[in-house]
Structures are given as C-alpha cells and as structure tokens.
Amino acid sequence: MGFPGTSGHNFYDYILTDKIIAPEEDQSFYTEKFLYLPNCYQINDGLSNFSKTKTTRSEHLLPKNAFVLACFNQSFKLDKTTFDCWIEILRELPDSILWLLDDNKVAQQNLSNYIKKKNIDEKRLIFAEKLSREKHIERLKLADVALDTRIYNGHTTTIDALQAGIPVVTKTGSHFASRVSTSLLLSLGLDELCCEDFISYKKKVIELCINEKVRARLLDKLTAKNNFEKIHNNELFAKNLEQTLMGIL
C-alpha cells in the first residue's frame, strides 16, 4: 500500500492496480504500466467482525435513537461539495447526526462554524477521538451508514466499515484515489452503493436509513460469511499476485 496514483517518475516499471481503479483508457496519465490484479488491488487482513458491539452509543456521546452517519476519513479528504451534500442529508433526516473523526482542531472548528451558517444545530456534528483499531471497529458498529469522501476516498477506513458490517456509500470518481471504495464495494457485490453523482448518493444514504427492507437485504449481502472470506482471502491474493508477476517475466 502506497501513494494512490502515479509516481510521475520513470524509475518504476509497473503499478499494481485493478481495472476498476485504473481503467485501461487511463494509462496515458501514468508513467508506470498497469499491472492488473484480477480482483480489488487492496490487500487487507480479511477479517470480519459482524458480532454485536461491546460498546454503547452513550459511551461515545451519540444519541440513542438517531441515524448515525459516520465518516472517519482524515479531515483533509473532505471538500465543500461533499460536506454540502451531507448537510442536505441532515436536513432531510431531522433525526440524524454526523459522526466525524477529531484529527484536526482547526478543521473541527471550521466545520462547526460552517454547519451553523447553514442553520443546522452544531450539536448534530459529533467528533470522535482516535482509538486503537480494535476499539475503533467496535464503535463503528454503532453507525448506520458510513459516508465516503469524493476526491480522496476512504481506503483503510472503508475496509474498517465493511469489516464491521456497516454499508459504505461512495461517489465513483475519475482517478485512482476516488475509485478505491468502488473497487472494494464491487468486490463484495455491493454495486448499489456506488453512486455516479451526489443526487443518487444522497438518495441512497437516506434510503438505507429509512427503508428497513432495503437495508436488511444489503446487510445480508455485506455480511455473507462465505462471500466476504472468499473475496478477502490473502492466500488467494498472494497466488494471484505471483501469477500476475510471473506473467511479465
């Protein structure tokens, strides 16, 4: 796992990727040749933690009966267009809150000020402190939906949410860093969570919150043990990588 894009230099021959993240027609924008893996390029521990959470909403200052919309991506990934979409969702779901990572005090203050200017109660913006990954996965299960950022997707954060059994809604972009969540979701057959624009993005988030049948059907697919383990099988990933590398020798 490294920089999600081209190095811009000629001393790397190849970039390990997949056809969702880097379609063949994008080759001219990379100095490295595409070396395609058959499935999602992103390796991870492949473990799922779908059991009931050991923590409570009150322990994390979350309202008991609210729709919890979470984004634990670093603050630099958040842009105005994405945040404005989230504000529209908050307006249409009056019982919802936005749960973000507290990684930058300046960003925290700016976001709080901005949401007030948009006439949204700043109490609906809740910041979560950094925790160990084990504790973080446990608290993630308290969320209803994970919201992805537009220009620079969640990478590890998307995997964290999926491994906790939380659906991630993403907007598919046009460059490497903006297509990672789409690749991860498609590897699990969750194409309905990959949106082409913010209109469908907002609609999907709201639907997951208010339509229990849609949510139940999607969660069944997300947490299907055989499907999840098959896709995130590191022995298979290693074999695929070996075959891919041997194919260029």
C-alpha atoms as a PDB file:
ATOM      1  CA  MET A   1       0.000   0.000   0.000  1.00  0.00           C
ATOM      2  CA  GLY A   2       1.460   3.313  -1.073  1.00  0.00           C
ATOM      3  CA  PHE A   3       0.524   6.533  -2.823  1.00  0.00           C
ATOM      4  CA  PRO A   4      -2.800   6.029  -4.664  1.00  0.00           C
ATOM      5  CA  GLY A   5      -1.713   7.215  -8.083  1.00  0.00           C
ATOM      6  CA  THR A   6       1.230   7.574 -10.404  1.00  0.00           C
ATOM      7  CA  SER A   7       4.677   8.481  -9.059  1.00  0.00           C
ATOM      8  CA  GLY A   8       5.233  10.666 -12.109  1.00  0.00           C
ATOM      9  CA  HIS A   9       8.749   9.237 -12.500  1.00  0.00           C
ATOM     10  CA  ASN A  10      10.234   6.721 -14.913  1.00  0.00           C
ATOM     11  CA  PHE A  11      12.095   4.571 -12.379  1.00  0.00           C
ATOM     12  CA  TYR A  12       9.045   2.399 -11.631  1.00  0.00           C
ATOM     13  CA  ASP A  13       8.088  -0.059 -14.349  1.00  0.00           C
ATOM     14  CA  TYR A  14       4.647  -1.026 -13.065  1.00  0.00           C
ATOM     15  CA  ILE A  15       1.893  -0.018 -10.662  1.00  0.00           C
ATOM     16  CA  LEU A  16      -0.162  -2.775  -9.013  1.00  0.00           C
ATOM     17  CA  THR A  17      -3.801  -1.914  -9.517  1.00  0.00           C
ATOM     18  CA  ASP A  18      -7.120  -3.254 -10.826  1.00  0.00           C
ATOM     19  CA  LYS A  19      -9.379  -2.391 -13.741  1.00  0.00           C
ATOM     20  CA  ILE A  20     -11.950  -0.595 -11.588  1.00  0.00           C
ATOM     21  CA  ILE A  21      -9.441   1.810 -10.066  1.00  0.00           C
ATOM     22  CA  ALA A  22      -7.343   2.324 -13.194  1.00  0.00           C
ATOM     23  CA  PRO A  23      -9.238   1.548 -16.424  1.00  0.00           C
ATOM     24  CA  GLU A  24      -7.104   0.862 -19.486  1.00  0.00           C
ATOM     25  CA  GLU A  25      -8.062   4.194 -21.042  1.00  0.00           C
ATOM     26  CA  ASP A  26      -6.297   5.996 -18.155  1.00  0.00           C
ATOM     27  CA  GLN A  27      -2.879   4.513 -18.988  1.00  0.00           C
ATOM     28  CA  SER A  28      -1.677   7.747 -20.630  1.00  0.00           C
ATOM     29  CA  PHE A  29      -1.928   9.541 -17.279  1.00  0.00           C
ATOM     30  CA  TYR A  30       0.562   7.172 -15.595  1.00  0.00           C
ATOM     31  CA  THR A  31       4.311   6.836 -16.078  1.00  0.00           C
ATOM     32  CA  GLU A  32       4.072   3.228 -14.826  1.00  0.00           C
ATOM     33  CA  LYS A  33       2.453   0.451 -16.823  1.00  0.00           C
ATOM     34  CA  PHE A  34      -0.700  -1.010 -15.278  1.00  0.00           C
ATOM     35  CA  LEU A  35      -0.151  -4.417 -13.701  1.00  0.00           C
ATOM     36  CA  TYR A  36      -3.667  -5.669 -13.102  1.00  0.00           C
ATOM     37  CA  LEU A  37      -4.683  -7.933 -10.245  1.00  0.00           C
ATOM     38  CA  PRO A  38      -7.821  -9.990 -11.008  1.00  0.00           C
ATOM     39  CA  ASN A  39      -9.767  -8.618  -8.034  1.00  0.00           C
ATOM     40  CA  CYS A  40      -9.520  -5.470  -5.898  1.00  0.00           C
ATOM     41  CA  TYR A  41      -5.893  -4.329  -5.625  1.00  0.00           C
ATOM     42  CA  GLN A  42      -6.166  -3.508  -1.914  1.00  0.00           C
ATOM     43  CA  ILE A  43      -4.959  -6.243   0.395  1.00  0.00           C
ATOM     44  CA  ASN A  44      -6.208  -6.346   3.978  1.00  0.00           C
ATOM     45  CA  ASP A  45      -6.409  -8.792   6.857  1.00  0.00           C
ATOM     46  CA  GLY A  46      -9.683 -10.152   5.506  1.00  0.00           C
ATOM     47  CA  LEU A  47     -11.196 -10.463   8.961  1.00  0.00           C
ATOM     48  CA  SER A  48     -14.812  -9.602   9.678  1.00  0.00           C
ATOM     49  CA  ASN A  49     -16.284  -8.501  12.984  1.00  0.00           C
ATOM     50  CA  PHE A  50     -20.031  -8.666  12.482  1.00  0.00           C
ATOM     51  CA  SER A  51     -20.917  -9.572  16.069  1.00  0.00           C
ATOM     52  CA  LYS A  52     -22.940  -7.242  18.260  1.00  0.00           C
ATOM     53  CA  THR A  53     -20.877  -4.324  19.516  1.00  0.00           C
ATOM     54  CA  LYS A  54     -19.497  -4.386  23.046  1.00  0.00           C
ATOM     55  CA  THR A  55     -19.890  -0.649  23.480  1.00  0.00           C
ATOM     56  CA  THR A  56     -22.894   1.704  23.596  1.00  0.00           C
ATOM     57  CA  ARG A  57     -23.860   4.942  21.934  1.00  0.00           C
ATOM     58  CA  SER A  58     -23.898   6.792  25.238  1.00  0.00           C
ATOM     59  CA  GLU A  59     -20.242   5.886  25.773  1.00  0.00           C
ATOM     60  CA  HIS A  60     -19.440   7.767  22.576  1.00  0.00           C
ATOM     61  CA  LEU A  61     -21.805  10.721  23.121  1.00  0.00           C
ATOM     62  CA  LEU A  62     -24.168   9.542  20.390  1.00  0.00           C
ATOM     63  CA  PRO A  63     -27.969   9.979  20.601  1.00  0.00           C
ATOM     64  CA  LYS A  64     -29.678   6.678  21.305  1.00  0.00           C
ATOM     65  CA  ASN A  65     -32.309   6.819  18.563  1.00  0.00           C
ATOM     66  CA  ALA A  66     -30.604   8.925  15.897  1.00  0.00           C
ATOM     67  CA  PHE A  67     -29.482   7.856  12.445  1.00  0.00           C
ATOM     68  CA  VAL A  68     -25.708   7.886  12.824  1.00  0.00           C
ATOM     69  CA  LEU A  69     -23.894   8.869   9.621  1.00  0.00           C
ATOM     70  CA  ALA A  70     -20.176   8.273  10.087  1.00  0.00           C
ATOM     71  CA  CYS A  71     -17.067   9.363   8.236  1.00  0.00           C
ATOM     72  CA  PHE A  72     -13.702   8.624   9.838  1.00  0.00           C
ATOM     73  CA  ASN A  73     -11.628   9.760   6.873  1.00  0.00           C
ATOM     74  CA  GLN A  74      -8.945  12.311   7.666  1.00  0.00           C
ATOM     75  CA  SER A  75     -10.174  15.897   7.518  1.00  0.00           C
ATOM     76  CA  PHE A  76      -8.027  16.840   4.505  1.00  0.00           C
ATOM     77  CA  LYS A  77     -10.151  14.482   2.381  1.00  0.00           C
ATOM     78  CA  LEU A  78     -13.306  16.490   2.984  1.00  0.00           C
ATOM     79  CA  ASP A  79     -14.313  19.108   0.390  1.00  0.00           C
ATOM     80  CA  LYS A  80     -17.156  21.621   0.305  1.00  0.00           C
ATOM     81  CA  THR A  81     -19.231  19.771  -2.305  1.00  0.00           C
ATOM     82  CA  THR A  82     -19.237  16.588  -0.220  1.00  0.00           C
ATOM     83  CA  PHE A  83     -19.970  18.379   3.042  1.00  0.00           C
ATOM     84  CA  ASP A  84     -22.821  20.337   1.450  1.00  0.00           C
ATOM     85  CA  CYS A  85     -24.346  17.031   0.357  1.00  0.00           C
ATOM     86  CA  TRP A  86     -24.089  15.748   3.917  1.00  0.00           C
ATOM     87  CA  ILE A  87     -25.834  18.894   5.161  1.00  0.00           C
ATOM     88  CA  GLU A  88     -28.687  18.242   2.713  1.00  0.00           C
ATOM     89  CA  ILE A  89     -28.992  14.723   4.122  1.00  0.00           C
ATOM     90  CA  LEU A  90     -29.133  16.129   7.669  1.00  0.00           C
ATOM     91  CA  ARG A  91     -31.957  18.442   6.579  1.00  0.00           C
ATOM     92  CA  GLU A  92     -33.972  15.596   5.076  1.00  0.00           C
ATOM     93  CA  LEU A  93     -33.288  13.305   8.044  1.00  0.00           C
ATOM     94  CA  PRO A  94     -34.018  15.514  11.068  1.00  0.00           C
ATOM     95  CA  ASP A  95     -33.209  12.640  13.429  1.00  0.00           C
ATOM     96  CA  SER A  96     -29.712  12.135  12.003  1.00  0.00           C
ATOM     97  CA  ILE A  97     -26.262  13.163  13.209  1.00  0.00           C
ATOM     98  CA  LEU A  98     -22.877  13.362  11.531  1.00  0.00           C
ATOM     99  CA  TRP A  99     -20.048  11.482  13.274  1.00  0.00           C
ATOM    100  CA  LEU A 100     -16.559  12.558  12.207  1.00  0.00           C
ATOM    101  CA  LEU A 101     -13.007  11.899  13.305  1.00  0.00           C
ATOM    102  CA  ASP A 102     -11.401  14.507  15.559  1.00  0.00           C
ATOM    103  CA  ASP A 103      -7.985  14.680  13.913  1.00  0.00           C
ATOM    104  CA  ASN A 104      -7.637  18.411  13.355  1.00  0.00           C
ATOM    105  CA  LYS A 105      -8.851  21.140  15.723  1.00  0.00           C
ATOM    106  CA  VAL A 106      -8.816  23.804  13.007  1.00  0.00           C
ATOM    107  CA  ALA A 107     -10.970  21.667  10.711  1.00  0.00           C
ATOM    108  CA  GLN A 108     -13.275  20.808  13.614  1.00  0.00           C
ATOM    109  CA  GLN A 109     -13.878  24.485  14.366  1.00  0.00           C
ATOM    110  CA  ASN A 110     -14.334  25.389  10.704  1.00  0.00           C
ATOM    111  CA  LEU A 111     -16.847  22.599  10.136  1.00  0.00           C
ATOM    112  CA  SER A 112     -18.771  23.566  13.275  1.00  0.00           C
ATOM    113  CA  ASN A 113     -18.911  27.194  12.151  1.00  0.00           C
ATOM    114  CA  TYR A 114     -19.938  26.214   8.624  1.00  0.00           C
ATOM    115  CA  ILE A 115     -22.771  23.948   9.721  1.00  0.00           C
ATOM    116  CA  LYS A 116     -24.145  26.715  11.950  1.00  0.00           C
ATOM    117  CA  LYS A 117     -24.134  29.114   8.983  1.00  0.00           C
ATOM    118  CA  LYS A 118     -26.254  26.527   7.156  1.00  0.00           C
ATOM    119  CA  ASN A 119     -28.779  26.664  10.042  1.00  0.00           C
ATOM    120  CA  ILE A 120     -28.027  23.156  11.261  1.00  0.00           C
ATOM    121  CA  ASP A 121     -27.633  22.660  15.018  1.00  0.00           C
ATOM    122  CA  GLU A 122     -23.912  22.162  15.618  1.00  0.00           C
ATOM    123  CA  LYS A 123     -24.815  19.513  18.217  1.00  0.00           C
ATOM    124  CA  ARG A 124     -25.639  17.269  15.261  1.00  0.00           C
ATOM    125  CA  LEU A 125     -21.934  17.275  14.417  1.00  0.00           C
ATOM    126  CA  ILE A 126     -20.130  14.904  16.796  1.00  0.00           C
ATOM    127  CA  PHE A 127     -16.367  14.342  16.767  1.00  0.00           C
ATOM    128  CA  ALA A 128     -14.789  11.059  17.801  1.00  0.00           C
ATOM    129  CA  GLU A 129     -11.377  10.785  19.387  1.00  0.00           C
ATOM    130  CA  LYS A 130      -8.737   8.472  17.966  1.00  0.00           C
ATOM    131  CA  LEU A 131      -8.762   4.959  19.422  1.00  0.00           C
ATOM    132  CA  SER A 132      -6.919   1.700  18.862  1.00  0.00           C
ATOM    133  CA  ARG A 133      -8.156  -0.160  15.772  1.00  0.00           C
ATOM    134  CA  GLU A 134      -9.814  -2.842  17.904  1.00  0.00           C
ATOM    135  CA  LYS A 135     -11.818  -0.275  19.885  1.00  0.00           C
ATOM    136  CA  HIS A 136     -12.497   1.725  16.754  1.00  0.00           C
ATOM    137  CA  ILE A 137     -14.063  -1.270  14.974  1.00  0.00           C
ATOM    138  CA  GLU A 138     -16.297  -1.831  17.986  1.00  0.00           C
ATOM    139  CA  ARG A 139     -17.580   1.727  17.997  1.00  0.00           C
ATOM    140  CA  LEU A 140     -18.003   1.715  14.214  1.00  0.00           C
ATOM    141  CA  LYS A 141     -20.792  -0.818  14.657  1.00  0.00           C
ATOM    142  CA  LEU A 142     -22.816   1.975  16.285  1.00  0.00           C
ATOM    143  CA  ALA A 143     -23.126   3.735  12.924  1.00  0.00           C
ATOM    144  CA  ASP A 144     -25.961   3.197  10.481  1.00  0.00           C
ATOM    145  CA  VAL A 145     -24.163   4.277   7.302  1.00  0.00           C
ATOM    146  CA  ALA A 146     -20.558   5.208   6.504  1.00  0.00           C
ATOM    147  CA  LEU A 147     -20.233   8.244   4.213  1.00  0.00           C
ATOM    148  CA  ASP A 148     -17.332   8.273   1.792  1.00  0.00           C
ATOM    149  CA  THR A 149     -15.448  11.365   0.639  1.00  0.00           C
ATOM    150  CA  ARG A 150     -15.383  12.358  -3.011  1.00  0.00           C
ATOM    151  CA  ILE A 151     -11.907  13.344  -4.232  1.00  0.00           C
ATOM    152  CA  TYR A 152      -9.932  11.043  -1.946  1.00  0.00           C
ATOM    153  CA  ASN A 153     -11.945   8.001  -0.865  1.00  0.00           C
ATOM    154  CA  GLY A 154     -11.566   6.048   2.293  1.00  0.00           C
ATOM    155  CA  HIS A 155      -9.090   3.218   1.827  1.00  0.00           C
ATOM    156  CA  THR A 156      -8.411   1.672   5.242  1.00  0.00           C
ATOM    157  CA  THR A 157     -11.480   3.466   6.634  1.00  0.00           C
ATOM    158  CA  THR A 158     -13.715   1.866   4.009  1.00  0.00           C
ATOM    159  CA  ILE A 159     -12.327  -1.572   4.852  1.00  0.00           C
ATOM    160  CA  ASP A 160     -12.852  -0.867   8.561  1.00  0.00           C
ATOM    161  CA  ALA A 161     -16.532  -0.071   7.992  1.00  0.00           C
ATOM    162  CA  LEU A 162     -17.150  -3.070   5.753  1.00  0.00           C
ATOM    163  CA  GLN A 163     -15.428  -5.405   8.221  1.00  0.00           C
ATOM    164  CA  ALA A 164     -17.697  -4.018  10.937  1.00  0.00           C
ATOM    165  CA  GLY A 165     -20.780  -4.717   8.805  1.00  0.00           C
ATOM    166  CA  ILE A 166     -21.519  -1.057   8.061  1.00  0.00           C
ATOM    167  CA  PRO A 167     -22.568  -0.139   4.497  1.00  0.00           C
ATOM    168  CA  VAL A 168     -20.387   2.490   2.813  1.00  0.00           C
ATOM    169  CA  VAL A 169     -21.915   4.841   0.249  1.00  0.00           C
ATOM    170  CA  THR A 170     -19.412   6.262  -2.237  1.00  0.00           C
ATOM    171  CA  LYS A 171     -19.424   8.500  -5.294  1.00  0.00           C
ATOM    172  CA  THR A 172     -17.311   6.936  -8.025  1.00  0.00           C
ATOM    173  CA  GLY A 173     -14.719   9.406  -9.285  1.00  0.00           C
ATOM    174  CA  SER A 174     -12.427   9.551 -12.298  1.00  0.00           C
ATOM    175  CA  HIS A 175      -8.978   8.978 -10.772  1.00  0.00           C
ATOM    176  CA  PHE A 176      -7.236   6.353  -8.612  1.00  0.00           C
ATOM    177  CA  ALA A 177      -7.895   7.786  -5.137  1.00  0.00           C
ATOM    178  CA  SER A 178     -11.545   8.471  -5.971  1.00  0.00           C
ATOM    179  CA  ARG A 179     -12.316   4.911  -7.121  1.00  0.00           C
ATOM    180  CA  VAL A 180     -10.872   2.772  -4.309  1.00  0.00           C
ATOM    181  CA  SER A 181     -14.122   2.425  -2.373  1.00  0.00           C
ATOM    182  CA  THR A 182     -15.919   1.488  -5.583  1.00  0.00           C
ATOM    183  CA  SER A 183     -13.408  -1.313  -6.196  1.00  0.00           C
ATOM    184  CA  LEU A 184     -13.816  -2.582  -2.631  1.00  0.00           C
ATOM    185  CA  LEU A 185     -17.616  -2.475  -2.796  1.00  0.00           C
ATOM    186  CA  LEU A 186     -17.788  -4.163  -6.185  1.00  0.00           C
ATOM    187  CA  SER A 187     -15.557  -6.952  -4.884  1.00  0.00           C
ATOM    188  CA  LEU A 188     -18.353  -7.720  -2.404  1.00  0.00           C
ATOM    189  CA  GLY A 189     -21.120  -7.387  -4.986  1.00  0.00           C
ATOM    190  CA  LEU A 190     -22.327  -4.124  -3.434  1.00  0.00           C
ATOM    191  CA  ASP A 191     -22.639  -2.186  -6.676  1.00  0.00           C
ATOM    192  CA  GLU A 192     -25.793  -0.439  -5.448  1.00  0.00           C
ATOM    193  CA  LEU A 193     -23.634   1.552  -3.000  1.00  0.00           C
ATOM    194  CA  CYS A 194     -21.500   3.012  -5.815  1.00  0.00           C
ATOM    195  CA  CYS A 195     -23.104   6.255  -6.999  1.00  0.00           C
ATOM    196  CA  GLU A 196     -22.393   8.278 -10.139  1.00  0.00           C
ATOM    197  CA  ASP A 197     -23.446  11.640  -8.684  1.00  0.00           C
ATOM    198  CA  PHE A 198     -24.428  13.290  -5.416  1.00  0.00           C
ATOM    199  CA  ILE A 199     -28.146  13.117  -6.186  1.00  0.00           C
ATOM    200  CA  SER A 200     -28.045   9.312  -6.162  1.00  0.00           C
ATOM    201  CA  TYR A 201     -25.542   9.389  -3.269  1.00  0.00           C
ATOM    202  CA  LYS A 202     -27.934  11.379  -1.080  1.00  0.00           C
ATOM    203  CA  LYS A 203     -30.895   9.238  -2.118  1.00  0.00           C
ATOM    204  CA  LYS A 204     -29.034   6.008  -1.264  1.00  0.00           C
ATOM    205  CA  VAL A 205     -27.953   7.215   2.192  1.00  0.00           C
ATOM    206  CA  ILE A 206     -31.495   8.271   3.062  1.00  0.00           C
ATOM    207  CA  GLU A 207     -32.942   5.025   1.690  1.00  0.00           C
ATOM    208  CA  LEU A 208     -30.586   2.948   3.847  1.00  0.00           C
ATOM    209  CA  CYS A 209     -31.726   4.864   6.917  1.00  0.00           C
ATOM    210  CA  ILE A 210     -35.479   4.796   6.403  1.00  0.00           C
ATOM    211  CA  ASN A 211     -36.159   1.661   4.340  1.00  0.00           C
ATOM    212  CA  GLU A 212     -35.682  -1.360   6.583  1.00  0.00           C
ATOM    213  CA  LYS A 213     -36.214  -3.888   3.775  1.00  0.00           C
ATOM    214  CA  VAL A 214     -33.542  -2.334   1.557  1.00  0.00           C
ATOM    215  CA  ARG A 215     -31.144  -2.098   4.472  1.00  0.00           C
ATOM    216  CA  ALA A 216     -31.755  -5.696   5.576  1.00  0.00           C
ATOM    217  CA  ARG A 217     -31.229  -7.034   2.056  1.00  0.00           C
ATOM    218  CA  LEU A 218     -27.979  -5.124   1.678  1.00  0.00           C
ATOM    219  CA  LEU A 219     -26.673  -6.129   5.097  1.00  0.00           C
ATOM    220  CA  ASP A 220     -27.378  -9.782   4.278  1.00  0.00           C
ATOM    221  CA  LYS A 221     -25.158  -9.427   1.226  1.00  0.00           C
ATOM    222  CA  LEU A 222     -22.461  -7.489   3.090  1.00  0.00           C
ATOM    223  CA  THR A 223     -22.216  -9.929   5.974  1.00  0.00           C
ATOM    224  CA  ALA A 224     -22.481 -13.174   3.985  1.00  0.00           C
ATOM    225  CA  LYS A 225     -19.572 -15.100   5.525  1.00  0.00           C
ATOM    226  CA  ASN A 226     -18.594 -17.175   2.508  1.00  0.00           C
ATOM    227  CA  ASN A 227     -18.720 -14.206   0.154  1.00  0.00           C
ATOM    228  CA  PHE A 228     -16.674 -11.965   2.445  1.00  0.00           C
ATOM    229  CA  GLU A 229     -13.994 -14.552   3.168  1.00  0.00           C
ATOM    230  CA  LYS A 230     -13.705 -15.587  -0.473  1.00  0.00           C
ATOM    231  CA  ILE A 231     -13.076 -12.032  -1.613  1.00  0.00           C
ATOM    232  CA  HIS A 232     -10.639 -11.208   1.197  1.00  0.00           C
ATOM    233  CA  ASN A 233      -8.619 -14.400   1.051  1.00  0.00           C
ATOM    234  CA  ASN A 234      -4.956 -13.447   1.389  1.00  0.00           C
ATOM    235  CA  GLU A 235      -3.666 -16.840   0.272  1.00  0.00           C
ATOM    236  CA  LEU A 236      -5.612 -16.376  -2.947  1.00  0.00           C
ATOM    237  CA  PHE A 237      -4.405 -12.778  -3.191  1.00  0.00           C
ATOM    238  CA  ALA A 238      -0.785 -13.974  -2.897  1.00  0.00           C
ATOM    239  CA  LYS A 239      -1.298 -16.610  -5.603  1.00  0.00           C
ATOM    240  CA  ASN A 240      -2.919 -14.063  -7.901  1.00  0.00           C
ATOM    241  CA  LEU A 241      -0.031 -11.663  -7.286  1.00  0.00           C
ATOM    242  CA  GLU A 242       2.533 -14.374  -8.048  1.00  0.00           C
ATOM    243  CA  GLN A 243       0.783 -15.289 -11.285  1.00  0.00           C
ATOM    244  CA  THR A 244       0.492 -11.634 -12.256  1.00  0.00           C
ATOM    245  CA  LEU A 245       4.208 -11.028 -11.667  1.00  0.00           C
ATOM    246  CA  MET A 246       5.241 -14.230 -13.455  1.00  0.00           C
ATOM    247  CA  GLY A 247       3.207 -13.133 -16.424  1.00  0.00           C
ATOM    248  CA  ILE A 248       5.591 -10.217 -17.076  1.00  0.00           C
ATOM    249  CA  LEU A 249       8.847 -12.162 -16.616  1.00  0.00           C
END
